[in-house]
Amino acid sequence: MTRWVALALLAAMIPTGSPAFQARESLARGGSYFDQCVARAKDYSACIGYFMGMADAPVMNADKSAVQAVYCLPAGASYEQNRDVFHTYLRENPQIRNVSTHMLFLLAMNTSFPCKASPRLWVDPATGEVFMSVSKPQG
């Protein structure tokens, strides 16, 4: 019990104005991700961590063949290359930054790295709704 009291007192002494404890806007919306990670990178570690989480969790590609997958990354593509593609997509499409960051990532990868028969993804800028075509060869 004494440890908990000491720990609580110690925690209370840490200044809340320090950079480690400053409130940060969520990166879950494309606009906030763009503002914090592309336009003016304030917290590199948060941005790269968020990006790597998206890149490592290809939910739309889980257990899919190249015929069914939403995107197919080139062999040997690095996080940095994929991040550059994603950030370029955000710069070039300001009208849809109201969509979730994860969905914008899928849209960017689908546009840049479609598989042979990937469904095409697109977003209605007015509503933020995301649509997917039936699978058919792109390009």
N, C-alpha and C. Protein backbone atom coordinates (compact mmCIF):
# COMPACT_ATOMS: atom_id res chain seq x y z
N MET A 1 0.82 -1.19 0.00
CA MET A 1 0.00 0.00 0.00
C MET A 1 0.87 1.25 0.00
N THR A 2 1.96 1.22 0.75
CA THR A 2 2.86 2.36 0.82
C THR A 2 3.47 2.65 -0.55
N ARG A 3 3.76 1.60 -1.29
CA ARG A 3 4.30 1.78 -2.64
C ARG A 3 3.33 2.55 -3.52
N TRP A 4 2.04 2.19 -3.45
CA TRP A 4 1.03 2.86 -4.27
C TRP A 4 0.90 4.33 -3.92
N VAL A 5 0.97 4.64 -2.64
CA VAL A 5 0.88 6.03 -2.21
C VAL A 5 2.09 6.80 -2.72
N ALA A 6 3.27 6.18 -2.58
CA ALA A 6 4.50 6.84 -3.05
C ALA A 6 4.45 7.03 -4.56
N LEU A 7 3.98 6.04 -5.26
CA LEU A 7 3.88 6.13 -6.72
C LEU A 7 2.89 7.23 -7.13
N ALA A 8 1.76 7.32 -6.44
CA ALA A 8 0.77 8.35 -6.74
C ALA A 8 1.34 9.74 -6.48
N LEU A 9 2.08 9.89 -5.39
CA LEU A 9 2.70 11.18 -5.09
C LEU A 9 3.74 11.55 -6.14
N LEU A 10 4.52 10.58 -6.54
CA LEU A 10 5.53 10.82 -7.58
C LEU A 10 4.87 11.22 -8.89
N ALA A 11 3.81 10.54 -9.26
CA ALA A 11 3.10 10.85 -10.50
C ALA A 11 2.50 12.26 -10.44
N ALA A 12 2.03 12.66 -9.28
CA ALA A 12 1.45 13.99 -9.13
C ALA A 12 2.50 15.09 -9.26
N MET A 13 3.74 14.75 -9.05
CA MET A 13 4.81 15.75 -9.12
C MET A 13 5.31 15.97 -10.54
N ILE A 14 4.99 15.08 -11.45
CA ILE A 14 5.44 15.22 -12.84
C ILE A 14 4.66 16.36 -13.48
N PRO A 15 5.36 17.33 -14.06
CA PRO A 15 4.64 18.46 -14.66
C PRO A 15 3.83 18.02 -15.86
N THR A 16 2.55 18.37 -15.88
CA THR A 16 1.69 17.96 -16.98
C THR A 16 1.90 18.79 -18.23
N GLY A 17 2.65 19.87 -18.13
CA GLY A 17 2.93 20.68 -19.31
C GLY A 17 4.09 20.14 -20.12
N SER A 18 4.69 19.05 -19.68
CA SER A 18 5.82 18.50 -20.42
C SER A 18 5.33 17.90 -21.73
N PRO A 19 6.19 17.87 -22.75
CA PRO A 19 5.77 17.37 -24.06
C PRO A 19 5.21 15.95 -24.03
N ALA A 20 5.69 15.12 -23.10
CA ALA A 20 5.21 13.74 -23.04
C ALA A 20 3.75 13.65 -22.64
N PHE A 21 3.23 14.68 -21.97
CA PHE A 21 1.86 14.62 -21.47
C PHE A 21 0.92 15.58 -22.17
N GLN A 22 1.35 16.23 -23.22
CA GLN A 22 0.46 17.14 -23.92
C GLN A 22 -0.56 16.36 -24.72
N ALA A 23 -1.77 16.86 -24.71
CA ALA A 23 -2.84 16.20 -25.45
C ALA A 23 -2.55 16.28 -26.94
N ARG A 24 -2.86 15.21 -27.64
CA ARG A 24 -2.64 15.17 -29.08
C ARG A 24 -3.95 14.81 -29.75
N GLU A 25 -4.21 15.45 -30.85
CA GLU A 25 -5.41 15.13 -31.62
C GLU A 25 -5.25 13.73 -32.21
N SER A 26 -6.32 13.01 -32.24
CA SER A 26 -6.30 11.66 -32.79
C SER A 26 -5.84 11.68 -34.25
N LEU A 27 -5.14 10.64 -34.64
CA LEU A 27 -4.68 10.51 -36.02
C LEU A 27 -5.66 9.69 -36.85
N ALA A 28 -6.81 9.33 -36.28
CA ALA A 28 -7.76 8.44 -36.94
C ALA A 28 -8.46 9.06 -38.15
N ARG A 29 -8.54 10.35 -38.24
CA ARG A 29 -9.16 11.02 -39.39
C ARG A 29 -8.06 11.49 -40.32
N GLY A 30 -8.31 11.37 -41.60
CA GLY A 30 -7.31 11.75 -42.60
C GLY A 30 -6.82 13.18 -42.46
N GLY A 31 -7.73 14.10 -42.15
CA GLY A 31 -7.34 15.49 -42.00
C GLY A 31 -6.39 15.72 -40.84
N SER A 32 -6.66 15.08 -39.71
CA SER A 32 -5.77 15.26 -38.56
C SER A 32 -4.43 14.56 -38.80
N TYR A 33 -4.45 13.39 -39.45
CA TYR A 33 -3.20 12.72 -39.79
C TYR A 33 -2.38 13.61 -40.72
N PHE A 34 -3.04 14.17 -41.73
CA PHE A 34 -2.34 15.03 -42.68
C PHE A 34 -1.72 16.23 -41.95
N ASP A 35 -2.52 16.90 -41.13
CA ASP A 35 -2.02 18.09 -40.42
C ASP A 35 -0.83 17.77 -39.52
N GLN A 36 -0.89 16.65 -38.83
CA GLN A 36 0.14 16.32 -37.85
C GLN A 36 1.34 15.57 -38.42
N CYS A 37 1.14 14.84 -39.50
CA CYS A 37 2.20 13.95 -39.98
C CYS A 37 2.73 14.29 -41.36
N VAL A 38 1.99 15.06 -42.14
CA VAL A 38 2.43 15.38 -43.50
C VAL A 38 2.74 16.86 -43.63
N ALA A 39 1.76 17.70 -43.32
CA ALA A 39 1.94 19.15 -43.49
C ALA A 39 3.01 19.70 -42.55
N ARG A 40 2.96 19.29 -41.31
CA ARG A 40 3.96 19.74 -40.33
C ARG A 40 4.13 18.62 -39.30
N ALA A 41 5.08 17.78 -39.52
CA ALA A 41 5.31 16.63 -38.64
C ALA A 41 5.74 17.11 -37.26
N LYS A 42 4.82 16.97 -36.30
CA LYS A 42 5.09 17.41 -34.93
C LYS A 42 5.68 16.29 -34.09
N ASP A 43 5.13 15.11 -34.21
CA ASP A 43 5.53 13.99 -33.36
C ASP A 43 5.85 12.80 -34.26
N TYR A 44 7.08 12.76 -34.73
CA TYR A 44 7.49 11.74 -35.70
C TYR A 44 7.19 10.33 -35.19
N SER A 45 7.48 10.06 -33.93
CA SER A 45 7.31 8.70 -33.42
C SER A 45 5.84 8.28 -33.46
N ALA A 46 4.93 9.18 -33.11
CA ALA A 46 3.50 8.85 -33.17
C ALA A 46 3.07 8.62 -34.61
N CYS A 47 3.55 9.47 -35.52
CA CYS A 47 3.16 9.35 -36.92
C CYS A 47 3.67 8.06 -37.54
N ILE A 48 4.94 7.75 -37.33
CA ILE A 48 5.49 6.53 -37.94
C ILE A 48 4.88 5.30 -37.29
N GLY A 49 4.60 5.37 -35.99
CA GLY A 49 3.96 4.25 -35.31
C GLY A 49 2.56 4.01 -35.85
N TYR A 50 1.81 5.08 -36.06
CA TYR A 50 0.45 4.96 -36.60
C TYR A 50 0.51 4.39 -38.02
N PHE A 51 1.42 4.92 -38.83
CA PHE A 51 1.55 4.44 -40.21
C PHE A 51 1.92 2.96 -40.23
N MET A 52 2.91 2.57 -39.42
CA MET A 52 3.34 1.17 -39.42
C MET A 52 2.22 0.25 -38.97
N GLY A 53 1.39 0.73 -38.04
CA GLY A 53 0.24 -0.06 -37.63
C GLY A 53 -0.73 -0.29 -38.78
N MET A 54 -0.96 0.74 -39.57
CA MET A 54 -1.84 0.58 -40.74
C MET A 54 -1.21 -0.34 -41.77
N ALA A 55 0.07 -0.13 -42.03
CA ALA A 55 0.75 -0.91 -43.06
C ALA A 55 0.88 -2.38 -42.66
N ASP A 56 0.97 -2.65 -41.36
CA ASP A 56 1.12 -4.03 -40.89
C ASP A 56 -0.21 -4.75 -40.71
N ALA A 57 -1.30 -4.03 -40.85
CA ALA A 57 -2.62 -4.62 -40.62
C ALA A 57 -3.48 -4.52 -41.87
N PRO A 58 -3.09 -5.19 -42.93
CA PRO A 58 -3.88 -5.09 -44.17
C PRO A 58 -5.17 -5.91 -44.07
N VAL A 59 -6.12 -5.41 -43.30
CA VAL A 59 -7.37 -6.12 -43.03
C VAL A 59 -8.07 -6.53 -44.31
N MET A 60 -8.07 -5.64 -45.29
CA MET A 60 -8.77 -5.95 -46.53
C MET A 60 -8.04 -7.01 -47.36
N ASN A 61 -6.80 -7.33 -47.01
CA ASN A 61 -6.04 -8.32 -47.76
C ASN A 61 -5.89 -9.63 -47.01
N ALA A 62 -6.37 -9.71 -45.78
CA ALA A 62 -6.19 -10.91 -44.96
C ALA A 62 -6.77 -12.13 -45.67
N ASP A 63 -5.95 -13.16 -45.79
CA ASP A 63 -6.36 -14.43 -46.39
C ASP A 63 -6.91 -14.31 -47.80
N LYS A 64 -6.44 -13.33 -48.55
CA LYS A 64 -6.91 -13.14 -49.93
C LYS A 64 -5.79 -13.51 -50.91
N SER A 65 -6.20 -14.02 -52.04
CA SER A 65 -5.24 -14.28 -53.11
C SER A 65 -5.00 -12.97 -53.85
N ALA A 66 -4.03 -12.96 -54.75
CA ALA A 66 -3.75 -11.76 -55.55
C ALA A 66 -4.95 -11.39 -56.42
N VAL A 67 -5.82 -12.32 -56.68
CA VAL A 67 -7.00 -12.03 -57.48
C VAL A 67 -8.06 -11.32 -56.64
N GLN A 68 -8.07 -11.58 -55.33
CA GLN A 68 -9.09 -11.01 -54.45
C GLN A 68 -8.61 -9.81 -53.63
N ALA A 69 -7.31 -9.63 -53.50
CA ALA A 69 -6.75 -8.60 -52.62
C ALA A 69 -7.07 -7.20 -53.11
N VAL A 70 -7.10 -6.25 -52.19
CA VAL A 70 -7.37 -4.86 -52.51
C VAL A 70 -6.14 -4.19 -53.11
N TYR A 71 -4.96 -4.61 -52.69
CA TYR A 71 -3.72 -4.07 -53.26
C TYR A 71 -2.62 -5.11 -53.15
N CYS A 72 -1.61 -4.98 -54.01
CA CYS A 72 -0.46 -5.89 -54.02
C CYS A 72 0.81 -5.04 -54.02
N LEU A 73 1.50 -5.03 -52.89
CA LEU A 73 2.73 -4.24 -52.81
C LEU A 73 3.82 -4.87 -53.65
N PRO A 74 4.68 -4.05 -54.24
CA PRO A 74 5.81 -4.61 -54.99
C PRO A 74 6.76 -5.32 -54.02
N ALA A 75 7.40 -6.34 -54.51
CA ALA A 75 8.37 -7.08 -53.68
C ALA A 75 9.45 -6.12 -53.20
N GLY A 76 9.76 -6.20 -51.93
CA GLY A 76 10.84 -5.39 -51.37
C GLY A 76 10.48 -3.95 -51.07
N ALA A 77 9.21 -3.58 -51.21
CA ALA A 77 8.81 -2.20 -50.91
C ALA A 77 9.01 -1.92 -49.43
N SER A 78 9.61 -0.79 -49.11
CA SER A 78 9.89 -0.44 -47.72
C SER A 78 8.76 0.39 -47.13
N TYR A 79 8.75 0.49 -45.80
CA TYR A 79 7.77 1.36 -45.14
C TYR A 79 7.89 2.78 -45.67
N GLU A 80 9.11 3.24 -45.85
CA GLU A 80 9.33 4.62 -46.30
C GLU A 80 8.73 4.86 -47.68
N GLN A 81 8.90 3.91 -48.59
CA GLN A 81 8.33 4.04 -49.93
C GLN A 81 6.80 4.05 -49.86
N ASN A 82 6.24 3.15 -49.07
CA ASN A 82 4.78 3.09 -48.93
C ASN A 82 4.25 4.35 -48.24
N ARG A 83 4.99 4.85 -47.26
CA ARG A 83 4.59 6.09 -46.58
C ARG A 83 4.61 7.25 -47.56
N ASP A 84 5.63 7.31 -48.41
CA ASP A 84 5.71 8.39 -49.40
C ASP A 84 4.52 8.33 -50.37
N VAL A 85 4.15 7.13 -50.79
CA VAL A 85 2.98 6.97 -51.67
C VAL A 85 1.73 7.46 -50.95
N PHE A 86 1.57 7.07 -49.70
CA PHE A 86 0.40 7.46 -48.91
C PHE A 86 0.36 8.97 -48.69
N HIS A 87 1.48 9.56 -48.34
CA HIS A 87 1.52 11.01 -48.10
C HIS A 87 1.26 11.79 -49.39
N THR A 88 1.77 11.31 -50.50
CA THR A 88 1.49 11.95 -51.79
C THR A 88 0.00 11.88 -52.10
N TYR A 89 -0.60 10.74 -51.83
CA TYR A 89 -2.05 10.58 -52.06
C TYR A 89 -2.83 11.59 -51.21
N LEU A 90 -2.44 11.77 -49.96
CA LEU A 90 -3.12 12.73 -49.10
C LEU A 90 -2.96 14.16 -49.61
N ARG A 91 -1.75 14.50 -50.08
CA ARG A 91 -1.51 15.85 -50.62
C ARG A 91 -2.38 16.11 -51.85
N GLU A 92 -2.51 15.09 -52.71
CA GLU A 92 -3.21 15.25 -53.98
C GLU A 92 -4.73 15.13 -53.87
N ASN A 93 -5.24 14.72 -52.70
CA ASN A 93 -6.68 14.50 -52.54
C ASN A 93 -7.22 15.18 -51.28
N PRO A 94 -7.07 16.49 -51.17
CA PRO A 94 -7.53 17.18 -49.95
C PRO A 94 -9.05 17.08 -49.74
N GLN A 95 -9.80 16.90 -50.81
CA GLN A 95 -11.26 16.87 -50.71
C GLN A 95 -11.79 15.64 -49.99
N ILE A 96 -10.97 14.62 -49.78
CA ILE A 96 -11.46 13.41 -49.10
C ILE A 96 -10.75 13.14 -47.78
N ARG A 97 -10.06 14.11 -47.23
CA ARG A 97 -9.36 13.90 -45.96
C ARG A 97 -10.31 13.75 -44.77
N ASN A 98 -11.62 13.88 -45.00
CA ASN A 98 -12.59 13.67 -43.93
C ASN A 98 -12.83 12.19 -43.66
N VAL A 99 -12.28 11.32 -44.48
CA VAL A 99 -12.41 9.87 -44.35
C VAL A 99 -11.40 9.37 -43.32
N SER A 100 -11.64 8.20 -42.76
CA SER A 100 -10.70 7.64 -41.79
C SER A 100 -9.32 7.44 -42.41
N THR A 101 -8.31 7.62 -41.62
CA THR A 101 -6.93 7.49 -42.10
C THR A 101 -6.69 6.09 -42.64
N HIS A 102 -7.21 5.09 -41.96
CA HIS A 102 -7.00 3.71 -42.42
C HIS A 102 -7.63 3.49 -43.80
N MET A 103 -8.82 4.02 -44.00
CA MET A 103 -9.47 3.86 -45.31
C MET A 103 -8.70 4.62 -46.38
N LEU A 104 -8.18 5.80 -46.04
CA LEU A 104 -7.38 6.55 -47.01
C LEU A 104 -6.11 5.78 -47.37
N PHE A 105 -5.54 5.08 -46.39
CA PHE A 105 -4.37 4.24 -46.67
C PHE A 105 -4.74 3.16 -47.69
N LEU A 106 -5.89 2.50 -47.47
CA LEU A 106 -6.32 1.46 -48.41
C LEU A 106 -6.58 2.04 -49.79
N LEU A 107 -7.19 3.22 -49.85
CA LEU A 107 -7.44 3.88 -51.14
C LEU A 107 -6.13 4.19 -51.85
N ALA A 108 -5.15 4.70 -51.11
CA ALA A 108 -3.85 5.04 -51.71
C ALA A 108 -3.16 3.80 -52.24
N MET A 109 -3.16 2.73 -51.47
CA MET A 109 -2.49 1.50 -51.89
C MET A 109 -3.23 0.87 -53.08
N ASN A 110 -4.56 0.92 -53.05
CA ASN A 110 -5.37 0.38 -54.14
C ASN A 110 -5.12 1.13 -55.43
N THR A 111 -4.97 2.45 -55.33
CA THR A 111 -4.71 3.28 -56.51
C THR A 111 -3.31 3.05 -57.05
N SER A 112 -2.34 2.96 -56.15
CA SER A 112 -0.93 2.86 -56.56
C SER A 112 -0.47 1.44 -56.85
N PHE A 113 -1.02 0.47 -56.14
CA PHE A 113 -0.54 -0.92 -56.26
C PHE A 113 -1.71 -1.90 -56.43
N PRO A 114 -2.53 -1.72 -57.46
CA PRO A 114 -3.64 -2.66 -57.64
C PRO A 114 -3.10 -4.04 -58.01
N CYS A 115 -3.82 -5.05 -57.57
CA CYS A 115 -3.49 -6.41 -58.01
C CYS A 115 -4.10 -6.61 -59.40
N LYS A 116 -3.84 -7.74 -59.98
CA LYS A 116 -4.33 -8.02 -61.33
C LYS A 116 -5.84 -7.82 -61.44
N ALA A 117 -6.58 -8.25 -60.41
CA ALA A 117 -8.04 -8.14 -60.48
C ALA A 117 -8.60 -7.44 -59.25
N SER A 118 -7.86 -6.52 -58.69
CA SER A 118 -8.33 -5.81 -57.50
C SER A 118 -9.65 -5.10 -57.75
N PRO A 119 -10.53 -5.12 -56.75
CA PRO A 119 -11.69 -4.25 -56.88
C PRO A 119 -11.20 -2.81 -56.80
N ARG A 120 -11.89 -1.91 -57.44
CA ARG A 120 -11.49 -0.50 -57.40
C ARG A 120 -12.20 0.16 -56.23
N LEU A 121 -11.44 0.90 -55.41
CA LEU A 121 -12.01 1.66 -54.31
C LEU A 121 -12.09 3.12 -54.68
N TRP A 122 -13.15 3.81 -54.26
CA TRP A 122 -13.23 5.25 -54.43
C TRP A 122 -14.13 5.82 -53.35
N VAL A 123 -14.01 7.13 -53.15
CA VAL A 123 -14.76 7.80 -52.10
C VAL A 123 -15.57 8.95 -52.70
N ASP A 124 -16.78 9.13 -52.19
CA ASP A 124 -17.59 10.28 -52.57
C ASP A 124 -17.16 11.43 -51.67
N PRO A 125 -16.53 12.47 -52.24
CA PRO A 125 -16.03 13.57 -51.41
C PRO A 125 -17.13 14.31 -50.65
N ALA A 126 -18.34 14.30 -51.16
CA ALA A 126 -19.43 15.03 -50.51
C ALA A 126 -19.90 14.33 -49.23
N THR A 127 -19.91 13.01 -49.25
CA THR A 127 -20.44 12.26 -48.10
C THR A 127 -19.37 11.53 -47.30
N GLY A 128 -18.22 11.29 -47.92
CA GLY A 128 -17.18 10.51 -47.25
C GLY A 128 -17.42 9.01 -47.35
N GLU A 129 -18.44 8.61 -48.08
CA GLU A 129 -18.72 7.19 -48.24
C GLU A 129 -17.69 6.56 -49.18
N VAL A 130 -17.26 5.36 -48.83
CA VAL A 130 -16.29 4.64 -49.64
C VAL A 130 -17.02 3.53 -50.38
N PHE A 131 -16.69 3.38 -51.65
CA PHE A 131 -17.32 2.38 -52.49
C PHE A 131 -16.27 1.42 -53.05
N MET A 132 -16.73 0.22 -53.36
CA MET A 132 -15.85 -0.79 -53.93
C MET A 132 -16.55 -1.42 -55.12
N SER A 133 -15.83 -1.47 -56.24
CA SER A 133 -16.40 -2.11 -57.44
C SER A 133 -16.28 -3.61 -57.29
N VAL A 134 -16.95 -4.32 -58.15
CA VAL A 134 -16.74 -5.75 -58.21
C VAL A 134 -15.36 -6.00 -58.76
N SER A 135 -14.80 -7.13 -58.43
CA SER A 135 -13.45 -7.43 -58.91
C SER A 135 -13.43 -7.56 -60.42
N LYS A 136 -12.57 -6.81 -61.03
CA LYS A 136 -12.33 -6.91 -62.47
C LYS A 136 -10.95 -6.34 -62.74
N PRO A 137 -10.30 -6.74 -63.77
CA PRO A 137 -8.95 -6.25 -64.03
C PRO A 137 -8.91 -4.72 -64.14
N GLN A 138 -7.90 -4.13 -63.51
CA GLN A 138 -7.69 -2.68 -63.60
C GLN A 138 -6.66 -2.39 -64.66
N GLY A 139 -6.77 -1.21 -65.21
CA GLY A 139 -5.75 -0.66 -66.08
C GLY A 139 -5.60 -1.26 -67.38
